[in-house]
Amino acid sequence: MPDSTAERYGLTPGGPGTVSHGQIVRVEPPHLLEYTWDGETLRWELFPDDTDGTDGCRLVFTNVFDDRDTALPAAAGWHAGLETLAAELDGGPPARSPWDRADELAPAYAASFAG
C-alpha cells in the first residue's frame, strides 16, 4: 500500500497496526479456508455455481468479530475489496481505488447499522 494510503488510515510502514497475527483454523482445499486474524475469524468458502452456464463458483466470505465498532469499517472495506476481486476475476481493472470506494460506501453502512 502506498505510504499516503497507510497514513490516511493511521498506519505507517513498519509501525503499529501494520503487523498482525493469526492462525489457520480449517482448510479443505479447494473449497474452504478459515483463519483468525488479530482476534477476528475470517472464512472463505467456494461453492459450485453454474447458474449462468459457465461452470463457475460462488464465494461466501464471513468475517466474525466481537467489537461492534469494527463493523462499519470492516463492512465497507470488505465490500470494496470484494468488488476489486470481482473486477480482477472478470478480467478488468477495478473501477476505483478500494480505499476510496470504502470511504464512499461507509455512509450507507453507517445508516444501515444505525438503529
Protein backbone atom coordinates (compact mmCIF):
# COMPACT_ATOMS: atom_id res chain seq x y z
CA MET A 1 0.00 0.00 0.00
CA PRO A 2 1.34 3.46 -0.79
CA ASP A 3 2.63 5.45 2.18
CA SER A 4 -0.06 8.09 1.59
CA THR A 5 -2.81 5.45 1.90
CA ALA A 6 -1.22 3.98 5.02
CA GLU A 7 -1.07 7.42 6.60
CA ARG A 8 -4.70 8.07 5.62
CA TYR A 9 -5.72 5.05 7.69
CA GLY A 10 -3.43 5.84 10.62
CA LEU A 11 -0.74 3.35 9.65
CA THR A 12 2.96 3.83 9.00
CA PRO A 13 5.13 1.27 7.20
CA GLY A 14 6.61 -1.00 9.84
CA GLY A 15 4.75 0.85 12.58
CA PRO A 16 1.95 -0.18 14.94
CA GLY A 17 -1.03 -1.62 13.13
CA THR A 18 0.95 -2.89 10.15
CA VAL A 19 1.78 -6.29 11.66
CA SER A 20 -0.96 -8.73 12.54
CA HIS A 21 -1.11 -12.29 13.82
CA GLY A 22 -3.36 -15.20 13.08
CA GLN A 23 -3.71 -18.92 12.91
CA ILE A 24 -5.12 -21.27 10.29
CA VAL A 25 -8.23 -22.85 11.81
CA ARG A 26 -9.53 -25.01 8.99
CA VAL A 27 -8.51 -25.84 5.44
CA GLU A 28 -10.38 -28.01 2.97
CA PRO A 29 -8.73 -27.36 -0.43
CA PRO A 30 -10.01 -26.05 -2.71
CA HIS A 31 -13.30 -25.15 -1.01
CA LEU A 32 -12.61 -23.69 2.41
CA LEU A 33 -10.07 -21.51 4.22
CA GLU A 34 -10.73 -20.28 7.74
CA TYR A 35 -8.26 -18.42 9.92
CA THR A 36 -8.03 -15.99 12.80
CA TRP A 37 -6.61 -12.53 12.25
CA ASP A 38 -5.94 -10.33 15.27
CA GLY A 39 -8.98 -11.63 17.17
CA GLU A 40 -11.27 -11.92 14.16
CA THR A 41 -12.24 -15.08 12.30
CA LEU A 42 -12.29 -14.97 8.51
CA ARG A 43 -13.83 -17.73 6.44
CA TRP A 44 -13.66 -18.06 2.66
CA GLU A 45 -15.86 -20.73 1.06
CA LEU A 46 -16.29 -21.70 -2.59
CA PHE A 47 -19.46 -23.44 -3.78
CA PRO A 48 -20.17 -24.78 -7.27
CA ASP A 49 -22.43 -22.41 -9.20
CA ASP A 50 -23.26 -22.91 -12.85
CA THR A 51 -26.44 -20.80 -12.87
CA ASP A 52 -25.03 -18.68 -15.69
CA GLY A 53 -23.84 -21.71 -17.66
CA THR A 54 -20.13 -21.04 -17.06
CA ASP A 55 -19.49 -23.85 -14.57
CA GLY A 56 -18.23 -21.28 -12.08
CA CYS A 57 -18.35 -20.93 -8.34
CA ARG A 58 -19.80 -18.65 -5.68
CA LEU A 59 -17.62 -17.15 -2.96
CA VAL A 60 -19.08 -16.78 0.52
CA PHE A 61 -16.98 -14.63 2.83
CA THR A 62 -17.65 -14.38 6.56
CA ASN A 63 -15.87 -12.05 8.99
CA VAL A 64 -16.65 -12.65 12.68
CA PHE A 65 -15.50 -10.22 15.37
CA ASP A 66 -16.56 -9.12 18.84
CA ASP A 67 -16.10 -5.37 18.50
CA ARG A 68 -19.22 -3.64 17.11
CA ASP A 69 -17.16 -0.53 16.33
CA THR A 70 -15.23 -2.65 13.83
CA ALA A 71 -18.39 -3.49 11.88
CA LEU A 72 -18.70 -0.29 9.85
CA PRO A 73 -15.12 -0.02 8.53
CA ALA A 74 -14.90 -3.80 8.09
CA ALA A 75 -18.14 -3.98 6.10
CA ALA A 76 -17.25 -1.07 3.83
CA GLY A 77 -13.67 -2.28 3.42
CA TRP A 78 -14.53 -5.88 2.59
CA HIS A 79 -17.33 -4.73 0.26
CA ALA A 80 -14.83 -2.59 -1.66
CA GLY A 81 -12.17 -5.30 -1.58
CA LEU A 82 -14.55 -7.93 -2.91
CA GLU A 83 -15.66 -5.58 -5.70
CA THR A 84 -11.98 -5.26 -6.63
CA LEU A 85 -11.61 -9.04 -6.62
CA ALA A 86 -14.68 -9.40 -8.85
CA ALA A 87 -13.28 -6.86 -11.32
CA GLU A 88 -9.97 -8.71 -11.46
CA LEU A 89 -11.68 -12.06 -11.97
CA ASP A 90 -13.76 -10.52 -14.77
CA GLY A 91 -10.50 -9.54 -16.48
CA GLY A 92 -10.66 -5.81 -15.91
CA PRO A 93 -9.15 -3.28 -13.59
CA PRO A 94 -11.07 -2.09 -10.54
CA ALA A 95 -13.36 0.86 -11.24
CA ARG A 96 -11.63 2.88 -8.50
CA SER A 97 -9.33 2.59 -5.52
CA PRO A 98 -10.77 0.16 -2.96
CA TRP A 99 -9.80 2.66 -0.24
CA ASP A 100 -11.80 5.41 -1.94
CA ARG A 101 -14.66 3.00 -2.59
CA ALA A 102 -14.74 2.01 1.10
CA ASP A 103 -14.97 5.69 2.03
CA GLU A 104 -17.83 6.04 -0.48
CA LEU A 105 -19.70 3.05 0.98
CA ALA A 106 -19.23 3.99 4.64
CA PRO A 107 -22.25 6.35 4.92
CA ALA A 108 -24.63 3.69 3.59
CA TYR A 109 -23.25 1.15 6.05
CA ALA A 110 -23.46 3.70 8.88
CA ALA A 111 -27.13 4.27 8.03
CA SER A 112 -27.86 0.54 7.95
CA PHE A 113 -26.11 -0.01 11.31
CA ALA A 114 -27.94 2.87 12.99
CA GLY A 115 -31.00 1.76 14.74
